[in-house]
Amino acid sequence: MTGRVAAVNLGIVTEAAWAGDASGRSGIDKRPVDGPVMVGLGGLAGDFIGERAHHGGPEQAVYAYAEEDAAWWAAEIGRGIRPGGFGENLTTWAVDVTGAVIGEQWSVGSAVLQVTKPRTPCTTFAGFWGMPDLIKRFTARATPGAYLRVLVEGEIGAGDPVEVVDRPAHGVTIGEVFRALHLEPQLLPRLLDVEDLPDAIREKARRRVRA
């Protein structure tokens, strides 16, 4: 079954003590928008990114999180979570984001996106939610969402189908990479030959395997 985009979300400028960059501003608060949005190699038009040392760039141009995983969190913490509540650009429905294979390509609207790596939770995320233990809980749940590279620029809007058009044979998934880095170090050797993983992650895996 082909999934779809449930919402396209753009970051607004948020000033807070917990914000990640030196100016105290963050773009983690993303809000749903109407109509199609242009996505280029650097991300979605109009999306504010605060701490560019750790966010944005070609390997993190777009962040996707599954509506189904958001529903689990809403039940877990006893409050509603609107689209964009995880800082995601694309809220998806019926897309296995955690099971997405590193390097697989998604046709979304008139764009083509490529899965690059999982999201790592940070103190800005915990501050945004007002949950000091969120990093620990988010890590234990291990449904981190997926960062995406833009291969073909285009427009994406709510309701657009999400279709996997190419999937590498290695089979290493977003969930597996996240667990290898944070929960199950015995999985680290699986990451070494995944060419579509960012170099920094592969090098980190090599160092840990050697150690």
Protein backbone atom coordinates (compact mmCIF):
# COMPACT_ATOMS: atom_id res chain seq x y z
CA MET A 1 0.00 0.00 0.00
CA THR A 2 1.29 3.45 -0.86
CA GLY A 3 1.43 5.82 2.12
CA ARG A 4 0.79 9.52 2.00
CA VAL A 5 1.82 12.84 3.45
CA ALA A 6 -0.55 13.68 6.30
CA ALA A 7 0.90 17.18 6.77
CA VAL A 8 3.70 19.44 5.56
CA ASN A 9 5.14 21.47 8.42
CA LEU A 10 7.41 24.54 8.44
CA GLY A 11 9.40 25.86 11.37
CA ILE A 12 8.68 29.19 12.96
CA VAL A 13 11.21 31.22 14.93
CA THR A 14 11.00 30.28 18.61
CA GLU A 15 13.01 32.13 21.23
CA ALA A 16 13.50 30.19 24.44
CA ALA A 17 16.08 29.37 27.10
CA TRP A 18 16.18 25.80 25.82
CA ALA A 19 16.76 26.79 22.18
CA GLY A 20 19.86 25.26 20.67
CA ASP A 21 21.73 28.05 18.90
CA ALA A 22 23.79 30.89 20.40
CA SER A 23 21.04 33.45 19.77
CA GLY A 24 18.48 31.42 21.72
CA ARG A 25 16.36 30.70 18.65
CA SER A 26 15.09 27.36 17.38
CA GLY A 27 13.05 26.11 14.43
CA ILE A 28 11.85 22.92 16.15
CA ASP A 29 8.30 24.29 16.44
CA LYS A 30 6.91 23.37 13.02
CA ARG A 31 3.34 24.12 11.97
CA PRO A 32 1.18 22.57 9.23
CA VAL A 33 0.72 24.68 6.11
CA ASP A 34 -1.88 24.65 3.35
CA GLY A 35 -1.02 23.98 -0.26
CA PRO A 36 2.12 22.59 -1.86
CA VAL A 37 5.58 23.67 -0.66
CA MET A 38 8.69 23.79 -2.81
CA VAL A 39 11.47 21.51 -1.61
CA GLY A 40 15.01 22.20 -2.81
CA LEU A 41 18.36 20.62 -2.09
CA GLY A 42 18.58 22.54 1.18
CA GLY A 43 15.08 21.76 2.42
CA LEU A 44 11.56 23.20 2.31
CA ALA A 45 10.99 26.79 1.28
CA GLY A 46 10.08 28.91 4.30
CA ASP A 47 11.34 26.44 6.91
CA PHE A 48 13.30 28.17 9.67
CA ILE A 49 16.38 26.27 10.90
CA GLY A 50 18.08 27.62 14.00
CA GLU A 51 21.21 25.68 14.91
CA ARG A 52 22.71 24.94 11.51
CA ALA A 53 25.77 23.25 12.99
CA HIS A 54 23.52 20.30 13.84
CA HIS A 55 20.41 20.77 11.71
CA GLY A 56 19.78 21.19 8.02
CA GLY A 57 22.25 20.58 5.22
CA PRO A 58 21.97 18.14 2.30
CA GLU A 59 21.86 14.98 4.47
CA GLN A 60 19.18 16.47 6.73
CA ALA A 61 17.22 18.54 4.24
CA VAL A 62 13.85 17.03 5.24
CA TYR A 63 12.74 15.24 8.42
CA ALA A 64 9.85 12.75 8.37
CA TYR A 65 7.97 11.28 11.31
CA ALA A 66 5.11 8.78 11.20
CA GLU A 67 1.64 9.74 12.36
CA GLU A 68 1.29 6.25 13.85
CA ASP A 69 4.39 6.72 16.02
CA ALA A 70 3.12 10.15 17.10
CA ALA A 71 -0.14 8.51 18.19
CA TRP A 72 1.83 6.09 20.40
CA TRP A 73 3.56 9.03 22.07
CA ALA A 74 0.29 10.90 22.55
CA ALA A 75 -1.12 7.90 24.42
CA GLU A 76 2.12 7.45 26.37
CA ILE A 77 2.30 11.01 27.69
CA GLY A 78 -1.44 11.66 27.85
CA ARG A 79 -1.65 14.69 25.61
CA GLY A 80 -2.30 15.44 21.97
CA ILE A 81 0.60 15.96 19.59
CA ARG A 82 -0.20 17.98 16.50
CA PRO A 83 1.56 17.50 13.15
CA GLY A 84 5.02 19.06 13.40
CA GLY A 85 5.19 18.33 17.12
CA PHE A 86 8.36 16.28 16.67
CA GLY A 87 9.97 19.02 14.63
CA GLU A 88 9.21 17.07 11.47
CA ASN A 89 8.70 18.60 8.04
CA LEU A 90 6.63 15.67 6.80
CA THR A 91 4.10 13.89 8.94
CA THR A 92 3.45 10.60 7.15
CA TRP A 93 0.66 8.06 7.25
CA ALA A 94 0.99 4.34 6.34
CA VAL A 95 4.73 4.75 5.72
CA ASP A 96 7.09 2.46 7.66
CA VAL A 97 9.56 5.20 8.55
CA THR A 98 11.46 3.16 11.16
CA GLY A 99 11.68 0.27 8.70
CA ALA A 100 12.87 2.45 5.82
CA VAL A 101 16.14 1.18 4.33
CA ILE A 102 19.08 3.59 4.31
CA GLY A 103 19.40 4.90 0.75
CA GLU A 104 15.88 4.02 -0.36
CA GLN A 105 14.16 6.62 -2.50
CA TRP A 106 10.70 8.04 -2.03
CA SER A 107 8.63 9.69 -4.72
CA VAL A 108 6.65 12.40 -2.89
CA GLY A 109 4.63 14.90 -4.90
CA SER A 110 6.91 15.98 -7.73
CA ALA A 111 10.06 15.48 -5.62
CA VAL A 112 12.28 12.46 -5.03
CA LEU A 113 13.77 12.06 -1.55
CA GLN A 114 16.37 9.61 -0.23
CA VAL A 115 16.53 8.19 3.29
CA THR A 116 19.86 9.09 4.94
CA LYS A 117 19.84 8.56 8.72
CA PRO A 118 17.78 8.55 11.92
CA ARG A 119 17.21 11.58 14.11
CA THR A 120 19.18 11.80 17.37
CA PRO A 121 17.19 13.41 20.21
CA CYS A 122 18.67 16.55 21.77
CA THR A 123 18.15 18.89 24.71
CA THR A 124 16.27 21.33 22.46
CA PHE A 125 13.69 18.62 21.76
CA ALA A 126 13.35 17.90 25.49
CA GLY A 127 12.96 21.60 26.23
CA PHE A 128 10.34 22.03 23.52
CA TRP A 129 8.25 19.25 25.04
CA GLY A 130 8.98 20.32 28.63
CA MET A 131 10.12 16.77 29.49
CA PRO A 132 13.60 16.54 31.07
CA ASP A 133 13.67 12.75 30.59
CA LEU A 134 12.56 12.84 26.95
CA ILE A 135 15.96 11.94 25.47
CA LYS A 136 16.07 8.75 27.55
CA ARG A 137 12.49 7.83 26.73
CA PHE A 138 12.78 8.69 23.03
CA THR A 139 15.93 6.58 22.77
CA ALA A 140 14.31 3.61 24.49
CA ARG A 141 11.30 3.76 22.16
CA ALA A 142 13.62 3.72 19.11
CA THR A 143 11.20 5.19 16.57
CA PRO A 144 13.37 8.19 15.67
CA GLY A 145 11.99 9.27 12.32
CA ALA A 146 14.09 9.65 9.20
CA TYR A 147 16.17 12.40 7.67
CA LEU A 148 15.97 12.68 3.90
CA ARG A 149 18.18 14.02 1.12
CA VAL A 150 16.53 15.76 -1.86
CA LEU A 151 17.47 14.04 -5.12
CA VAL A 152 14.91 15.77 -7.32
CA GLU A 153 13.51 19.15 -6.36
CA GLY A 154 9.76 19.62 -6.56
CA GLU A 155 6.58 20.45 -4.68
CA ILE A 156 5.10 18.48 -1.79
CA GLY A 157 1.68 18.93 -0.25
CA ALA A 158 -0.57 17.25 2.29
CA GLY A 159 -2.30 14.25 0.73
CA ASP A 160 0.49 13.48 -1.73
CA PRO A 161 1.30 9.76 -2.07
CA VAL A 162 4.62 8.50 -0.71
CA GLU A 163 5.92 5.69 -2.92
CA VAL A 164 9.17 3.77 -2.47
CA VAL A 165 10.72 3.75 -5.95
CA ASP A 166 14.12 2.23 -5.12
CA ARG A 167 15.38 0.17 -2.17
CA PRO A 168 19.00 -0.99 -1.67
CA ALA A 169 19.59 -4.68 -1.12
CA HIS A 170 21.65 -4.30 2.08
CA GLY A 171 18.47 -4.04 4.16
CA VAL A 172 19.88 -1.85 6.96
CA THR A 173 17.02 0.27 8.25
CA ILE A 174 16.58 3.55 10.08
CA GLY A 175 15.62 1.61 13.20
CA GLU A 176 18.64 -0.66 12.97
CA VAL A 177 21.05 2.26 12.63
CA PHE A 178 19.47 4.00 15.62
CA ARG A 179 19.63 0.89 17.79
CA ALA A 180 23.23 0.21 16.76
CA LEU A 181 24.31 3.72 17.77
CA HIS A 182 22.32 3.99 20.99
CA LEU A 183 21.08 0.63 22.28
CA GLU A 184 22.61 -2.45 20.61
CA PRO A 185 26.32 -1.96 19.81
CA GLN A 186 26.53 -5.53 18.52
CA LEU A 187 24.77 -4.21 15.40
CA LEU A 188 27.53 -1.68 14.61
CA PRO A 189 29.41 -3.93 12.12
CA ARG A 190 26.27 -3.92 9.96
CA LEU A 191 26.75 -0.20 9.33
CA LEU A 192 30.30 -0.29 8.00
CA ASP A 193 29.50 -1.16 4.39
CA VAL A 194 26.33 0.91 3.98
CA GLU A 195 27.59 3.43 1.44
CA ASP A 196 24.46 5.59 1.63
CA LEU A 197 25.01 6.30 5.33
CA PRO A 198 26.65 9.67 6.02
CA ASP A 199 30.43 9.37 6.42
CA ALA A 200 30.33 10.66 10.01
CA ILE A 201 28.09 7.79 11.12
CA ARG A 202 30.17 5.16 9.36
CA GLU A 203 33.34 6.55 10.93
CA LYS A 204 31.73 6.55 14.37
CA ALA A 205 30.75 2.92 13.85
CA ARG A 206 34.31 2.04 12.79
CA ARG A 207 35.79 3.66 15.89
CA ARG A 208 33.40 1.83 18.18
CA VAL A 209 33.98 -1.52 16.47
CA ARG A 210 37.75 -1.11 16.74
CA ALA A 211 37.42 -0.17 20.42
